[in-house]
Structures are given as structure tokens and as C-alpha cells.
Amino acid sequence: MILLLLTLLLLHTTNACKNSNLGCSLNGICDLSTNTCNCDPAWKGTTCSELNLLPLEPKRVLNGAYRPGKRTSWGANVLYSKEDNKFHMFVAEMKGDCTLTSWIPNSQVVHAISSSLEGPYEFQNVLFDTFHHNPRLIQNPNDGSYLLFMIGGNHSSTSGEPGNCSSIPPAVGELLDTNIVVARATSLNGPWTVPQGPLIKRGKVNEWDYVVTNPTPIILPNGTALLYYRGTPKYWQDDSDVDSPLDLPESVGVARAPHWSGPYEKVFNKPILSVMNEDPFAWRNTRGDFHLLTHGRSDWWNTHHSYSEDGLVWSDGSDIATNPNVTLTNGTVYKFTNRERPQIYFNETTGEPAVLFNGVCPGAKYTYGYTLAQDINQER
């Protein structure tokens, strides 16, 4: 009996939100009468840290939201346009039959559209040719224009034909990988401005963010821009860099600017999230709280969630938002080798998370991949 009481007390202490919405991962309201969390519809779990993903029909898993034949795609943003009543996707796609093993220099940013949010999306055009990668699309809340943050620069890739997807010299790849740029348009159909950058100055060769990549912005009502990015020590190497390790820590940092176009200054000289985090996706919820999805850490294939009240001081990101697997409507589980580049589409009416987009590999990791869309619960 005593052991049972101690166990219940421990569970209550562990699960209690302690009269603060921080105890609910800023994804719900702490009920002061019970000291437990009432999670927002898109979230579940004792501390509201797990995405409330809905089971997918098998055909949606197999067909994907964007799976154009043999072409690999990796990471997609979607916004709805009242101009043409279409959903517009901006996604990284490898030229020809090239796979993720040669993403530099073969990645380009393409534009695809669909009449339904879940897709399938149809290719429209190459928006930014090789090399461009890591697209992150947002609508500027202050003037309604569209901003596309990404990495890269003009570089002719290989032809993309089978057997001709070679990489490039480290010195060139390093410059493209660490070049964060932004383009602007007043319509999702374009035209887009020439990408401008680099927006963030890279660290010194011996610092944690010598490589700055994976940009994801939040624009505040006063116009201030917070730009989160993945920082990594030097990893592009040639034969002379025999002492440079291949497996390096990937962390998340933040830079700030008075305007989305810059100039950006790093807020801290240390990362806000460490322990192997990459592919950050940042947003503010309807209560004004700050959130990040990443993937990485020691478990690598899981998607993690972290949260902040001010966008600067963050939880440690240890909460798992979802794993690489997808529960199907028939009750079975489809297992992907890896599920990365988490991006969320938000409900147009409520502003709540509505669909999670990912790049997924059904076979060997970092080979062929496509874009998956999974619905997030909207009902209380």
C-alpha cells in the first residue's frame, strides 16, 4: 500500500505542470485546479510535447504529397494563395536521378501546386536552379509579402543523368553550404527577387558555427527578425584535413536583425540548442509563444520539440514530437529509414498546426527520398 502511494505521488509530481504553462511545453494551459495540462488540439501527452498526428491512408504514405517519379525531394513548405485558390509548395529537389548522397551541387528549389493541401502536388517550374537548398517560406506579417530563406548560390551542377551525380571540391561546397540567402515576392506565383546574402556571418574555423545553414525565421510585429540556424564546426575537408573529424556536433543558434533583410547579428556566442540538432523549424503559436522542431540528438531519427517564452531562452529540446514511423488507418505501422526536414502548415482559420511535411527515405538513408504530408489533429 505504501509503495503504491509513493508511486502515485511520484507520477503526480512528474506529470504536474506546477501552475505554469511552461509545464505544458507552451502547447496547452495548466489547469490550476488539478495541476495538469489541457493540451491544444495539435498536441498530446502529459506535457503536451508530442504532435497529435492522425493515421494516414496507406496510399498517401506510398504516393507522398510530392513524389515526381524518380526525382528526390527533401523538405517542403506550403502556403495557400487566395489569388488562385491553390496550395503552393516550395521544395528542394535533386536534378535528374541524383539522390541525397550528392545534394551539393545538385539541389534546386522548385515550385509545385495542388488544389488540396495533402496533394498530390504537381511540378510547375524551377524557381532557383543549382545550387539552392533548405527552402523556408514565410509570409511577412507586416506587409503580406512572401519571403523565401534558403542556402546556396549559383553553381552549375552535373547533368543529373545516372552515373553523373558527382559532388564538388570541399572548398566550393563549403561556401555554398554556409551561404544563407533570402528572396522576396508579392505573389506565390512570383516573380521573385534575386536571392540576397549571405545573411549570417560564419564563425571562425575553430568555432561551433563555422558552417551556418538550415535557416528558419520568425518576424516580430515590430519588424525585428529572429533567424535560427544550424551551426557546425568545419566538416568540409580534403586530403590535407586528416585530423578533421567526420561526425561533428550540430547545434542551433539565433541571429537578430531590425528587418528581415538584415543586417543580422548573432545574439549569443554559444548555441541555444546543442546535442546534435539540425533542420530547425521555428514559429510562434496563437498565444505568442516560440517553438522549434528539430531532428537529431543521440536518437537522430526522431523529431524533437523545444519551446521558449521570448525566443531566446529555450527548453533543451529533449522532448520527442514524433518518431520516423507512420501509423496507418488500417492499424499497421509504416517504418521509414529516416524522416527529416520537419515543416508545418498552419490552419488558415485557427492558426494551429494542421499538417506536418517531411522529407522521408523509404530505403537506404540519404539515397532516394520524397515529400510526405501527415495531418495533425484539429479537434478538441
Protein backbone atom coordinates (compact mmCIF):
# COMPACT_ATOMS: atom_id res chain seq x y z
CA MET A 1 0.00 0.00 0.00
CA ILE A 2 2.79 2.41 0.92
CA LEU A 3 4.64 1.53 -2.27
CA LEU A 4 1.50 2.23 -4.31
CA LEU A 5 1.03 5.63 -2.64
CA LEU A 6 4.66 6.54 -3.28
CA THR A 7 4.31 5.52 -6.92
CA LEU A 8 1.17 7.62 -7.38
CA LEU A 9 2.85 10.57 -5.68
CA LEU A 10 5.86 10.27 -7.97
CA LEU A 11 3.62 10.12 -11.06
CA HIS A 12 1.68 13.17 -9.90
CA THR A 13 4.89 15.09 -9.23
CA THR A 14 6.34 14.10 -12.59
CA ASN A 15 3.18 14.88 -14.53
CA ALA A 16 2.20 18.09 -12.76
CA CYS A 17 2.51 21.32 -14.72
CA LYS A 18 3.23 23.19 -11.47
CA ASN A 19 0.81 26.04 -12.16
CA SER A 20 2.69 27.16 -15.26
CA ASN A 21 2.08 26.75 -18.97
CA LEU A 22 5.80 26.03 -19.27
CA GLY A 23 4.96 22.68 -17.75
CA CYS A 24 2.69 22.12 -20.75
CA SER A 25 5.51 22.90 -23.22
CA LEU A 26 3.65 26.15 -24.04
CA ASN A 27 1.32 23.92 -26.08
CA GLY A 28 -1.55 23.97 -23.60
CA ILE A 29 -2.99 25.52 -20.48
CA CYS A 30 -2.10 24.37 -16.98
CA ASP A 31 -5.32 23.60 -15.08
CA LEU A 32 -4.77 25.21 -11.69
CA SER A 33 -7.40 23.02 -10.01
CA THR A 34 -5.74 19.74 -11.00
CA ASN A 35 -2.24 20.93 -11.88
CA THR A 36 -2.46 19.03 -15.17
CA CYS A 37 -2.26 20.15 -18.79
CA ASN A 38 -5.13 20.81 -21.15
CA CYS A 39 -3.29 20.42 -24.45
CA ASP A 40 -4.02 22.36 -27.62
CA PRO A 41 -5.65 20.08 -30.25
CA ALA A 42 -2.42 19.61 -32.23
CA TRP A 43 -0.53 18.29 -29.20
CA LYS A 44 -0.84 15.43 -26.76
CA GLY A 45 0.97 13.77 -23.88
CA THR A 46 1.30 14.62 -20.22
CA THR A 47 3.28 17.76 -21.01
CA CYS A 48 1.76 18.44 -24.47
CA SER A 49 5.11 17.82 -26.13
CA GLU A 50 4.03 15.20 -28.69
CA LEU A 51 2.44 16.10 -32.02
CA ASN A 52 -1.09 14.70 -32.22
CA LEU A 53 -0.63 13.15 -35.66
CA LEU A 54 -3.52 11.36 -37.33
CA PRO A 55 -3.21 7.93 -39.01
CA LEU A 56 -2.58 8.07 -42.74
CA GLU A 57 -4.19 6.11 -45.53
CA PRO A 58 -1.61 3.67 -46.99
CA LYS A 59 -1.84 5.23 -50.46
CA ARG A 60 -0.93 8.66 -49.05
CA VAL A 61 2.19 7.20 -47.48
CA LEU A 62 3.23 5.37 -50.63
CA ASN A 63 2.36 8.18 -53.07
CA GLY A 64 3.56 11.02 -50.85
CA ALA A 65 2.46 14.61 -51.17
CA TYR A 66 5.15 15.26 -53.78
CA ARG A 67 6.78 12.26 -55.41
CA PRO A 68 7.65 13.16 -59.01
CA GLY A 69 8.85 9.86 -60.42
CA LYS A 70 12.47 9.09 -59.61
CA ARG A 71 13.35 12.64 -58.62
CA THR A 72 14.33 13.07 -54.98
CA SER A 73 12.73 15.88 -52.97
CA TRP A 74 13.75 16.92 -49.48
CA GLY A 75 11.92 19.42 -47.30
CA ALA A 76 8.83 21.34 -48.37
CA ASN A 77 6.98 24.48 -47.26
CA VAL A 78 3.37 25.06 -48.25
CA LEU A 79 1.20 28.21 -48.18
CA TYR A 80 -2.31 28.81 -49.51
CA SER A 81 -2.96 31.59 -52.02
CA LYS A 82 -6.33 33.34 -52.25
CA GLU A 83 -5.12 34.69 -55.58
CA ASP A 84 -5.69 31.36 -57.35
CA ASN A 85 -7.19 29.18 -54.55
CA LYS A 86 -4.22 26.84 -54.77
CA PHE A 87 -1.76 25.41 -52.27
CA HIS A 88 1.80 26.32 -53.24
CA MET A 89 4.75 24.14 -52.32
CA PHE A 90 8.38 25.25 -52.37
CA VAL A 91 10.64 22.24 -52.07
CA ALA A 92 14.26 21.18 -52.54
CA GLU A 93 14.57 18.74 -55.43
CA MET A 94 17.61 16.98 -56.83
CA LYS A 95 18.27 17.29 -60.55
CA GLY A 96 17.54 14.27 -62.70
CA ASP A 97 18.13 10.99 -60.92
CA CYS A 98 20.52 12.40 -58.35
CA THR A 99 19.84 11.44 -54.74
CA LEU A 100 20.67 12.98 -51.37
CA THR A 101 24.15 11.50 -51.49
CA SER A 102 25.05 14.30 -53.91
CA TRP A 103 22.74 17.07 -52.67
CA ILE A 104 25.57 19.53 -53.24
CA PRO A 105 25.68 20.66 -56.03
CA ASN A 106 22.52 19.01 -57.42
CA SER A 107 19.77 20.55 -55.28
CA GLN A 108 17.43 23.19 -56.68
CA VAL A 109 14.31 24.86 -55.28
CA VAL A 110 11.16 24.10 -57.27
CA HIS A 111 7.57 25.34 -57.17
CA ALA A 112 4.67 22.87 -57.17
CA ILE A 113 0.92 23.42 -56.71
CA SER A 114 -2.17 21.45 -55.69
CA SER A 115 -5.88 22.10 -55.26
CA SER A 116 -5.79 20.17 -51.98
CA LEU A 117 -3.49 20.58 -49.01
CA GLU A 118 -2.49 16.92 -48.81
CA GLY A 119 -1.60 16.84 -52.50
CA PRO A 120 -0.51 15.38 -54.76
CA TYR A 121 1.45 18.46 -55.83
CA GLU A 122 2.36 19.00 -59.45
CA PHE A 123 5.67 20.45 -60.59
CA GLN A 124 5.39 23.97 -62.02
CA ASN A 125 8.88 25.29 -62.51
CA VAL A 126 12.40 25.50 -61.16
CA LEU A 127 12.39 28.60 -59.02
CA PHE A 128 16.10 28.72 -58.13
CA ASP A 129 18.47 26.47 -60.03
CA THR A 130 21.51 24.72 -58.66
CA PHE A 131 22.69 25.15 -56.12
CA HIS A 132 19.84 26.06 -53.73
CA HIS A 133 18.62 24.02 -50.77
CA ASN A 134 16.82 24.18 -47.39
CA PRO A 135 13.91 26.40 -48.57
CA ARG A 136 11.90 28.02 -45.75
CA LEU A 137 8.88 30.00 -46.91
CA ILE A 138 7.01 32.52 -44.74
CA GLN A 139 4.56 35.35 -45.25
CA ASN A 140 5.72 38.63 -43.80
CA PRO A 141 3.08 39.56 -41.19
CA ASN A 142 3.79 43.25 -41.65
CA ASP A 143 3.18 43.71 -45.37
CA GLY A 144 1.84 40.37 -46.65
CA SER A 145 4.77 39.71 -48.98
CA TYR A 146 6.44 36.32 -49.22
CA LEU A 147 9.99 35.58 -48.13
CA LEU A 148 11.97 32.50 -49.11
CA PHE A 149 15.04 31.81 -46.99
CA MET A 150 17.47 29.13 -48.21
CA ILE A 151 21.13 28.34 -48.67
CA GLY A 152 23.26 28.29 -51.80
CA GLY A 153 24.39 30.30 -54.77
CA ASN A 154 24.77 29.99 -58.50
CA HIS A 155 26.69 26.86 -59.38
CA SER A 156 26.24 24.61 -62.40
CA SER A 157 25.59 21.07 -61.24
CA THR A 158 26.23 17.83 -63.03
CA SER A 159 23.66 16.90 -65.64
CA GLY A 160 21.73 14.75 -63.22
CA GLU A 161 21.92 11.74 -65.51
CA PRO A 162 22.51 8.30 -63.96
CA GLY A 163 26.16 7.88 -63.06
CA ASN A 164 26.81 11.60 -63.38
CA CYS A 165 25.89 12.97 -59.96
CA SER A 166 29.33 13.69 -58.60
CA SER A 167 29.99 16.07 -55.76
CA ILE A 168 32.25 19.14 -55.87
CA PRO A 169 35.54 20.19 -54.26
CA PRO A 170 35.29 20.84 -50.49
CA ALA A 171 36.33 24.47 -50.82
CA VAL A 172 33.40 25.14 -53.18
CA GLY A 173 30.86 23.04 -51.29
CA GLU A 174 31.72 24.72 -48.02
CA LEU A 175 30.96 28.18 -49.45
CA LEU A 176 27.60 27.07 -50.86
CA ASP A 177 26.54 25.18 -47.72
CA THR A 178 27.19 28.14 -45.43
CA ASN A 179 25.63 30.88 -47.59
CA ILE A 180 22.18 31.81 -46.20
CA VAL A 181 20.16 33.97 -48.61
CA VAL A 182 16.62 35.35 -48.97
CA ALA A 183 14.34 36.21 -51.91
CA ARG A 184 11.06 38.16 -51.87
CA ALA A 185 7.84 38.15 -53.89
CA THR A 186 4.42 39.77 -53.58
CA SER A 187 2.71 36.69 -55.06
CA LEU A 188 3.36 32.99 -54.58
CA ASN A 189 3.39 32.79 -58.37
CA GLY A 190 6.28 35.24 -58.45
CA PRO A 191 8.25 36.94 -59.78
CA TRP A 192 10.92 36.53 -57.10
CA THR A 193 13.83 38.82 -56.48
CA VAL A 194 17.40 37.63 -56.87
CA PRO A 195 18.45 35.94 -53.60
CA GLN A 196 20.44 38.28 -51.36
CA GLY A 197 23.08 37.26 -48.83
CA PRO A 198 24.96 35.93 -47.03
CA LEU A 199 22.71 36.98 -44.14
CA ILE A 200 24.76 35.49 -41.30
CA LYS A 201 28.49 35.69 -40.89
CA ARG A 202 30.07 32.30 -40.35
CA GLY A 203 32.16 31.59 -37.27
CA LYS A 204 35.88 31.16 -37.18
CA VAL A 205 37.35 27.89 -38.37
CA ASN A 206 37.66 26.56 -34.81
CA GLU A 207 34.21 27.71 -33.61
CA TRP A 208 30.95 25.76 -33.23
CA ASP A 209 29.23 27.59 -36.11
CA TYR A 210 31.93 27.75 -38.75
CA VAL A 211 29.19 26.38 -41.03
CA VAL A 212 25.88 28.30 -40.79
CA THR A 213 22.95 26.68 -42.60
CA ASN A 214 19.30 25.47 -42.24
CA PRO A 215 17.73 28.96 -41.84
CA THR A 216 14.28 29.40 -40.28
CA PRO A 217 12.94 32.91 -39.47
CA ILE A 218 10.37 34.50 -37.17
CA ILE A 219 9.36 38.09 -37.90
CA LEU A 220 8.01 40.03 -34.94
CA PRO A 221 5.23 42.65 -35.15
CA ASN A 222 7.76 45.49 -34.86
CA GLY A 223 9.66 44.18 -37.90
CA THR A 224 12.53 42.63 -35.95
CA ALA A 225 13.61 39.31 -37.43
CA LEU A 226 14.93 36.34 -35.48
CA LEU A 227 16.78 33.91 -37.72
CA TYR A 228 17.50 30.48 -36.29
CA TYR A 229 20.15 28.38 -37.97
CA ARG A 230 22.15 25.20 -37.64
CA GLY A 231 25.78 25.69 -36.78
CA THR A 232 28.50 23.09 -37.21
CA PRO A 233 32.29 23.08 -36.88
CA LYS A 234 34.31 22.67 -40.05
CA TYR A 235 33.44 19.39 -41.76
CA TRP A 236 34.11 20.02 -45.45
CA GLN A 237 37.56 18.52 -45.84
CA ASP A 238 40.04 17.37 -48.40
CA ASP A 239 43.00 15.01 -48.20
CA SER A 240 45.06 17.54 -46.23
CA ASP A 241 42.46 17.69 -43.41
CA VAL A 242 43.36 14.29 -41.98
CA ASP A 243 42.76 15.43 -38.39
CA SER A 244 39.27 16.81 -39.04
CA PRO A 245 36.53 14.52 -37.64
CA LEU A 246 33.66 13.47 -39.90
CA ASP A 247 30.96 13.29 -37.21
CA LEU A 248 30.63 16.73 -35.66
CA PRO A 249 28.12 18.28 -33.27
CA GLU A 250 25.22 20.07 -34.93
CA SER A 251 23.70 22.85 -32.84
CA VAL A 252 21.12 25.61 -33.26
CA GLY A 253 21.89 29.30 -32.91
CA VAL A 254 19.97 32.54 -33.33
CA ALA A 255 20.75 35.85 -35.05
CA ARG A 256 18.71 39.05 -34.93
CA ALA A 257 18.12 41.94 -37.34
CA PRO A 258 15.96 45.08 -37.31
CA HIS A 259 14.49 43.98 -40.66
CA TRP A 260 14.12 40.65 -42.46
CA SER A 261 16.74 41.73 -44.99
CA GLY A 262 19.34 42.33 -42.26
CA PRO A 263 21.90 43.15 -41.10
CA TYR A 264 21.91 40.11 -38.81
CA GLU A 265 23.99 39.82 -35.69
CA LYS A 266 24.36 36.66 -33.65
CA VAL A 267 22.62 37.07 -30.29
CA PHE A 268 24.91 34.69 -28.37
CA ASN A 269 28.37 33.24 -28.91
CA LYS A 270 27.01 29.83 -27.90
CA PRO A 271 24.18 27.73 -29.33
CA ILE A 272 20.67 27.86 -27.89
CA LEU A 273 20.30 24.11 -28.59
CA SER A 274 23.13 21.63 -28.74
CA VAL A 275 23.41 17.81 -28.57
CA MET A 276 23.06 17.15 -32.29
CA ASN A 277 20.12 19.20 -33.52
CA GLU A 278 19.56 20.21 -37.14
CA ASP A 279 16.81 21.19 -39.59
CA PRO A 280 15.17 23.69 -37.22
CA PHE A 281 11.65 24.89 -38.00
CA ALA A 282 10.59 27.93 -35.94
CA TRP A 283 7.19 29.53 -35.34
CA ARG A 284 5.04 31.43 -32.82
CA ASN A 285 1.72 29.99 -31.75
CA THR A 286 -1.53 31.93 -31.34
CA ARG A 287 -0.58 32.82 -27.74
CA GLY A 288 2.70 34.31 -28.92
CA ASP A 289 4.94 31.53 -27.59
CA PHE A 290 8.00 30.43 -29.56
CA HIS A 291 8.52 26.86 -30.79
CA LEU A 292 11.14 24.84 -32.64
CA LEU A 293 11.06 21.43 -34.27
CA THR A 294 14.40 19.79 -34.97
CA HIS A 295 15.65 16.34 -35.65
CA GLY A 296 18.81 14.82 -34.32
CA ARG A 297 20.22 14.33 -30.82
CA SER A 298 21.56 10.92 -29.89
CA ASP A 299 18.48 9.14 -31.28
CA TRP A 300 18.90 11.05 -34.57
CA TRP A 301 15.79 9.96 -36.48
CA ASN A 302 13.24 11.33 -34.01
CA THR A 303 11.76 14.81 -34.36
CA HIS A 304 12.21 16.92 -31.24
CA HIS A 305 10.34 19.90 -29.83
CA SER A 306 11.62 22.85 -27.82
CA TYR A 307 9.87 25.98 -26.63
CA SER A 308 10.54 29.48 -25.35
CA GLU A 309 8.66 32.46 -23.96
CA ASP A 310 10.94 35.07 -25.55
CA GLY A 311 12.57 33.30 -28.50
CA LEU A 312 16.00 33.47 -26.86
CA VAL A 313 15.98 31.16 -23.83
CA TRP A 314 14.83 27.68 -24.81
CA SER A 315 13.99 24.31 -23.30
CA ASP A 316 16.64 21.70 -24.00
CA GLY A 317 14.84 20.07 -26.94
CA SER A 318 14.80 16.60 -25.41
CA ASP A 319 11.04 16.17 -25.90
CA ILE A 320 10.17 13.83 -28.77
CA ALA A 321 7.45 15.25 -31.02
CA THR A 322 7.31 12.20 -33.29
CA ASN A 323 9.40 9.27 -34.48
CA PRO A 324 10.19 8.28 -38.09
CA ASN A 325 7.28 5.83 -38.32
CA VAL A 326 3.74 6.48 -39.54
CA THR A 327 0.64 4.79 -38.15
CA LEU A 328 -1.72 3.79 -40.96
CA THR A 329 -5.51 3.82 -40.95
CA ASN A 330 -5.52 0.01 -41.10
CA GLY A 331 -3.70 -0.14 -37.76
CA THR A 332 -0.28 -1.11 -39.10
CA VAL A 333 2.89 0.96 -38.92
CA TYR A 334 4.99 2.02 -41.90
CA LYS A 335 8.65 2.41 -40.99
CA PHE A 336 10.81 4.91 -42.82
CA THR A 337 14.59 4.72 -42.67
CA ASN A 338 14.74 8.41 -41.85
CA ARG A 339 12.26 11.26 -41.54
CA GLU A 340 13.77 14.74 -41.53
CA ARG A 341 13.23 18.41 -42.51
CA PRO A 342 10.07 18.90 -40.36
CA GLN A 343 7.89 21.78 -41.63
CA ILE A 344 4.36 22.67 -40.50
CA TYR A 345 1.40 24.09 -42.42
CA PHE A 346 -0.91 26.08 -40.14
CA ASN A 347 -4.71 26.09 -40.24
CA GLU A 348 -5.82 29.21 -42.14
CA THR A 349 -8.68 29.87 -39.72
CA THR A 350 -7.31 28.93 -36.31
CA GLY A 351 -3.56 29.37 -36.82
CA GLU A 352 -2.97 25.94 -35.26
CA PRO A 353 -0.58 23.29 -36.69
CA ALA A 354 -2.53 21.36 -39.33
CA VAL A 355 -0.11 19.28 -41.45
CA LEU A 356 3.44 18.07 -40.88
CA PHE A 357 5.59 17.90 -44.02
CA ASN A 358 8.81 15.85 -44.03
CA GLY A 359 11.46 14.54 -46.31
CA VAL A 360 11.46 10.73 -45.96
CA CYS A 361 13.64 7.90 -47.20
CA PRO A 362 11.85 4.57 -47.70
CA GLY A 363 15.08 2.71 -48.44
CA ALA A 364 18.73 3.29 -47.66
CA LYS A 365 19.28 6.52 -45.77
CA TYR A 366 20.24 9.62 -47.75
CA THR A 367 19.56 8.00 -51.09
CA TYR A 368 16.13 8.33 -52.74
CA GLY A 369 13.67 10.49 -50.81
CA TYR A 370 10.29 12.14 -51.27
CA THR A 371 7.94 14.55 -49.51
CA LEU A 372 5.35 13.25 -47.04
CA ALA A 373 2.38 15.11 -45.55
CA GLN A 374 0.67 13.89 -42.37
CA ASP A 375 -2.42 15.52 -40.88
CA ILE A 376 -2.37 16.88 -37.33
CA ASN A 377 -5.44 16.72 -35.09
CA GLN A 378 -7.64 19.85 -35.14
CA GLU A 379 -10.45 18.83 -32.78
CA ARG A 380 -10.58 19.10 -29.02
